[in-house]
Protein backbone atom coordinates (compact mmCIF):
# COMPACT_ATOMS: atom_id res chain seq x y z
CA MET A 1 76.94 83.49 116.67
CA GLU A 2 75.31 86.78 117.64
CA LYS A 3 77.47 89.91 117.46
CA TYR A 4 77.87 92.30 120.39
CA LYS A 5 79.42 95.73 120.80
CA THR A 6 81.11 95.05 124.14
CA LEU A 7 81.65 91.28 124.01
CA GLN A 8 83.00 88.61 121.72
CA ILE A 9 81.84 84.98 121.91
CA VAL A 10 84.43 82.46 120.72
CA GLN A 11 84.46 78.70 120.34
CA LYS A 12 88.18 78.15 119.92
CA THR A 13 87.99 74.49 118.96
CA PRO A 14 85.28 73.09 116.64
CA ASN A 15 82.78 70.88 118.48
CA SER A 16 84.29 71.88 121.84
CA PRO A 17 81.78 72.36 124.70
CA VAL A 18 83.94 75.23 126.01
CA PHE A 19 82.86 78.73 124.94
CA TYR A 20 84.72 81.96 125.70
CA ILE A 21 83.22 85.35 126.47
CA TYR A 22 85.74 88.15 125.90
CA LEU A 23 85.15 91.55 127.46
CA ASN A 24 85.91 93.37 124.24
CA ARG A 25 86.69 97.04 124.75
CA PRO A 26 90.49 96.76 124.93
CA SER A 27 91.12 100.42 124.06
CA PHE A 28 89.12 101.32 127.21
CA ARG A 29 90.73 98.57 129.33
CA ASN A 30 87.39 96.76 129.03
CA ALA A 31 85.60 99.36 131.15
CA LEU A 32 81.91 98.52 131.46
CA SER A 33 79.62 100.70 129.34
CA ARG A 34 75.82 100.90 129.40
CA GLU A 35 75.70 98.47 126.48
CA PHE A 36 77.58 95.89 128.51
CA PHE A 37 74.83 95.68 131.14
CA THR A 38 72.33 94.85 128.39
CA GLU A 39 74.52 92.56 126.29
CA PHE A 40 76.18 90.52 129.04
CA PRO A 41 73.07 88.83 130.52
CA THR A 42 71.75 88.28 126.99
CA ALA A 43 74.97 86.52 125.97
CA LEU A 44 75.05 84.43 129.14
CA SER A 45 71.44 83.38 128.70
CA ALA A 46 72.09 82.33 125.10
CA LEU A 47 75.05 80.16 126.13
CA ASP A 48 73.11 78.79 129.10
CA GLN A 49 70.33 77.62 126.80
CA ASN A 50 72.72 76.21 124.19
CA PRO A 51 72.96 72.41 124.69
CA ASP A 52 76.41 72.40 123.04
CA VAL A 53 77.87 74.51 125.85
CA ASN A 54 79.28 72.84 128.97
CA VAL A 55 81.52 75.55 130.38
CA ILE A 56 81.92 79.30 129.89
CA VAL A 57 85.31 81.01 130.22
CA LEU A 58 85.26 84.76 130.88
CA ILE A 59 88.37 86.71 129.94
CA GLY A 60 89.42 90.21 128.87
CA ALA A 61 90.68 91.21 125.43
CA GLY A 62 93.91 93.21 125.32
CA GLY A 63 96.13 93.99 128.29
CA HIS A 64 93.57 94.03 131.10
CA PHE A 65 90.60 92.08 132.40
CA CYS A 66 88.40 95.03 133.39
CA ALA A 67 89.03 98.57 134.63
CA GLY A 68 85.59 98.86 136.24
CA ILE A 69 82.53 100.82 135.17
CA ASP A 70 83.22 103.40 132.49
CA LEU A 71 83.32 106.79 134.25
CA LYS A 72 81.25 108.36 131.45
CA THR A 73 78.58 105.75 132.05
CA LEU A 74 78.70 106.34 135.79
CA SER A 75 78.50 110.10 135.35
CA SER A 76 75.56 109.92 132.94
CA ILE A 77 73.63 107.62 135.29
CA PHE A 78 74.02 110.04 138.21
CA ASP A 79 73.32 113.12 136.05
CA GLU A 80 70.12 111.64 134.64
CA SER A 81 68.97 110.28 137.99
CA LEU A 82 69.59 113.45 139.98
CA SER A 83 67.69 115.83 137.70
CA GLY A 84 64.13 116.90 138.47
CA ASP A 85 61.98 115.81 141.41
CA ARG A 86 64.07 114.22 144.17
CA GLY A 87 61.71 111.32 144.80
CA ARG A 88 61.48 110.41 141.12
CA SER A 89 65.24 110.85 140.75
CA ASN A 90 65.97 108.49 143.63
CA GLU A 91 63.60 105.89 142.21
CA LYS A 92 65.23 106.16 138.79
CA LEU A 93 68.68 105.69 140.34
CA ARG A 94 67.43 102.66 142.29
CA ARG A 95 66.12 101.10 139.06
CA GLU A 96 69.41 101.75 137.27
CA ILE A 97 71.38 100.09 140.06
CA LYS A 98 69.01 97.09 140.17
CA TYR A 99 69.37 96.72 136.40
CA MET A 100 73.16 96.69 136.64
CA GLN A 101 73.07 94.29 139.60
CA ALA A 102 70.91 91.90 137.60
CA ALA A 103 73.48 91.85 134.79
CA ILE A 104 76.17 90.63 137.20
CA THR A 105 73.84 88.21 139.01
CA ALA A 106 73.21 86.59 135.61
CA ILE A 107 76.51 84.79 136.18
CA GLU A 108 75.09 83.04 139.26
CA ILE A 109 71.78 82.33 137.55
CA CYS A 110 73.57 80.68 134.61
CA ARG A 111 73.39 76.88 134.96
CA LYS A 112 76.76 76.42 133.25
CA PRO A 113 79.93 76.98 135.31
CA VAL A 114 81.68 80.28 134.57
CA ILE A 115 85.48 80.42 134.95
CA ALA A 116 87.16 83.84 135.12
CA GLY A 117 90.66 84.31 133.70
CA ILE A 118 92.10 87.56 135.06
CA HIS A 119 95.15 89.44 133.79
CA GLY A 120 96.20 93.05 134.26
CA ALA A 121 93.67 95.27 136.01
CA CYS A 122 90.59 93.91 137.75
CA ILE A 123 89.12 96.98 139.38
CA GLY A 124 85.72 97.96 140.80
CA GLY A 125 83.10 96.43 138.53
CA GLY A 126 85.67 93.84 137.44
CA VAL A 127 85.75 92.54 141.03
CA ASP A 128 81.93 92.49 141.02
CA ILE A 129 82.10 90.22 137.97
CA VAL A 130 84.78 87.78 139.14
CA THR A 131 83.27 87.32 142.61
CA ALA A 132 80.11 86.05 140.90
CA CYS A 133 82.09 83.46 138.90
CA ASP A 134 82.54 79.86 140.02
CA ILE A 135 86.31 79.54 139.53
CA ARG A 136 88.93 82.30 139.27
CA PHE A 137 92.45 82.05 137.85
CA CYS A 138 94.83 84.96 137.33
CA THR A 139 98.29 85.92 136.13
CA ARG A 140 101.09 86.91 138.48
CA ASP A 141 100.95 90.51 137.21
CA ALA A 142 97.19 90.83 137.78
CA PHE A 143 96.10 93.42 140.32
CA PHE A 144 92.78 93.93 142.04
CA SER A 145 91.03 96.79 143.80
CA VAL A 146 87.59 97.36 145.32
CA LYS A 147 87.94 100.90 144.06
CA GLU A 148 84.47 102.31 144.71
CA VAL A 149 85.41 103.82 148.08
CA ASP A 150 87.82 106.21 146.30
CA LEU A 151 84.86 107.50 144.26
CA ALA A 152 82.69 107.90 147.38
CA ILE A 153 80.28 105.22 146.18
CA THR A 154 79.40 101.72 147.38
CA ALA A 155 80.49 98.50 145.69
CA ASP A 156 76.84 97.55 145.37
CA LEU A 157 76.88 95.40 142.22
CA GLY A 158 77.68 92.32 144.31
CA THR A 159 81.20 92.62 145.71
CA LEU A 160 80.11 93.47 149.25
CA GLN A 161 77.69 90.53 149.26
CA ARG A 162 79.97 87.90 147.68
CA LEU A 163 83.52 88.81 148.67
CA PRO A 164 83.17 87.93 152.40
CA PHE A 165 82.16 84.36 151.47
CA ILE A 166 85.30 84.04 149.34
CA VAL A 167 88.08 85.80 151.29
CA GLY A 168 86.55 86.05 154.76
CA HIS A 169 84.78 88.91 156.49
CA GLY A 170 87.88 90.66 157.82
CA ASN A 171 89.72 90.66 154.49
CA ALA A 172 86.62 91.84 152.65
CA VAL A 173 86.05 94.74 155.04
CA GLU A 174 89.67 95.85 154.80
CA LEU A 175 89.70 95.75 151.00
CA ALA A 176 86.37 97.56 150.70
CA LEU A 177 87.27 100.33 153.15
CA THR A 178 90.80 101.01 151.90
CA GLY A 179 90.36 100.46 148.17
CA ARG A 180 93.99 99.38 148.05
CA SER A 181 95.42 97.39 145.15
CA PHE A 182 96.55 93.83 145.80
CA SER A 183 98.46 91.42 143.61
CA GLY A 184 97.56 88.10 142.04
CA THR A 185 99.79 86.38 144.59
CA GLU A 186 97.94 88.01 147.50
CA ALA A 187 94.62 87.17 145.83
CA LYS A 188 95.72 83.51 145.85
CA GLU A 189 96.70 83.72 149.53
CA MET A 190 93.26 85.11 150.42
CA GLY A 191 91.41 82.55 148.31
CA LEU A 192 90.04 84.97 145.72
CA VAL A 193 91.76 82.97 142.99
CA SER A 194 92.69 79.30 143.06
CA ARG A 195 95.65 79.37 140.66
CA VAL A 196 98.23 81.93 139.52
CA PHE A 197 100.05 81.73 136.17
CA GLY A 198 103.21 83.38 134.93
CA SER A 199 101.74 84.93 131.76
CA LYS A 200 98.49 85.45 129.88
CA GLU A 201 99.41 82.63 127.50
CA GLU A 202 99.94 80.23 130.42
CA LEU A 203 96.67 81.45 131.94
CA GLU A 204 94.72 80.72 128.76
CA GLU A 205 96.27 77.26 128.50
CA GLY A 206 95.40 76.56 132.15
CA LEU A 207 91.83 77.72 131.56
CA ARG A 208 91.53 75.44 128.54
CA ILE A 209 92.81 72.37 130.38
CA VAL A 210 90.50 72.86 133.36
CA ALA A 211 87.44 73.73 131.25
CA GLU A 212 87.89 70.70 128.99
CA ALA A 213 88.25 68.44 132.03
CA PHE A 214 84.69 69.13 133.18
CA ILE A 215 82.33 66.17 133.25
CA PRO A 216 79.21 66.03 131.00
CA CYS A 217 76.85 68.98 130.99
CA LEU A 218 73.92 67.52 132.96
CA ILE A 219 76.04 66.58 135.96
CA VAL A 220 78.03 69.83 135.78
CA SER A 221 74.80 71.84 135.86
CA THR A 222 73.55 69.83 138.84
CA PHE A 223 76.67 70.37 140.95
CA HIS A 224 76.91 74.01 139.91
CA ARG A 225 73.33 74.63 141.01
CA VAL A 226 73.93 72.97 144.39
CA PHE A 227 77.17 74.88 145.09
CA THR A 228 75.54 78.20 144.20
CA ARG A 229 72.54 77.50 146.41
CA SER A 230 74.83 76.45 149.28
CA ILE A 231 76.03 80.05 149.54
CA MET A 232 72.65 81.68 149.04
CA TYR A 233 70.41 79.43 151.16
CA PRO A 234 70.48 77.58 154.51
CA TYR A 235 71.75 74.00 154.80
CA LYS A 236 68.34 72.31 155.02
CA LEU A 237 67.12 73.88 151.78
CA VAL A 238 70.31 72.85 149.97
CA HIS A 239 70.08 69.31 151.36
CA ARG A 240 66.51 69.06 150.07
CA GLU A 241 67.61 70.42 146.68
CA ILE A 242 70.40 67.84 146.43
CA ARG A 243 67.82 65.11 147.07
CA ASP A 244 65.42 66.53 144.48
CA LEU A 245 68.16 66.98 141.88
CA ALA A 246 69.34 63.41 142.42
CA VAL A 247 65.83 62.12 141.83
CA HIS A 248 65.43 64.08 138.59
CA THR A 249 68.92 63.80 137.07
CA LEU A 250 70.45 60.49 138.06
CA PRO A 251 69.50 57.30 136.19
CA PRO A 252 67.72 54.53 138.12
CA ILE A 253 69.91 51.79 139.58
């Protein structure tokens, strides 16, 4: 298994098709560094292409899921991008943002379902990550915040695009404009998460049970692809894709 600076890949049970990605900077509350945006899509792609993997569980090491983008990383991106010629600086900033967006979108591109297990803080970039996941569970003490507004920046790594489809337009607007924290219980009421657990240990057990219950990989990948496209594309295109997938993946009768 390849080693990463910001992540840890774990197969908890031998021969299990369930693989875990741990955000692994616990001393920084798993804040997202520059290395993360390189390593994360690489790790996802490797698991996506591994035929032994059915399901990916994404969880945070230590006491929190993710405290957002590391402020040092954010500061260095703006400092580097805003030096020199304004036109070149703006283009450099645009490229940096597109690069970071692509790292989060890698979750949607992945053909294997990704389940997020959230405990403690899930702030800013952490919300970007979980809104791209297919299923979200959390602990009762988890708390969430679309924090970017407090830093006078836009939540442009995917939250503003994905959150309205999950919690509704009105809820998404309110959360994005206020930046307020909300609990795991409220997240469940809004539909951001589908289950709430009493502790991290109960969360991990719940994640294991659900992940191991998934049907074989080929069918899982087919349904996952259809559900993802159903959000991104109009009905007719999805209907056509369902037909095409059925032709190519289901055995003849």
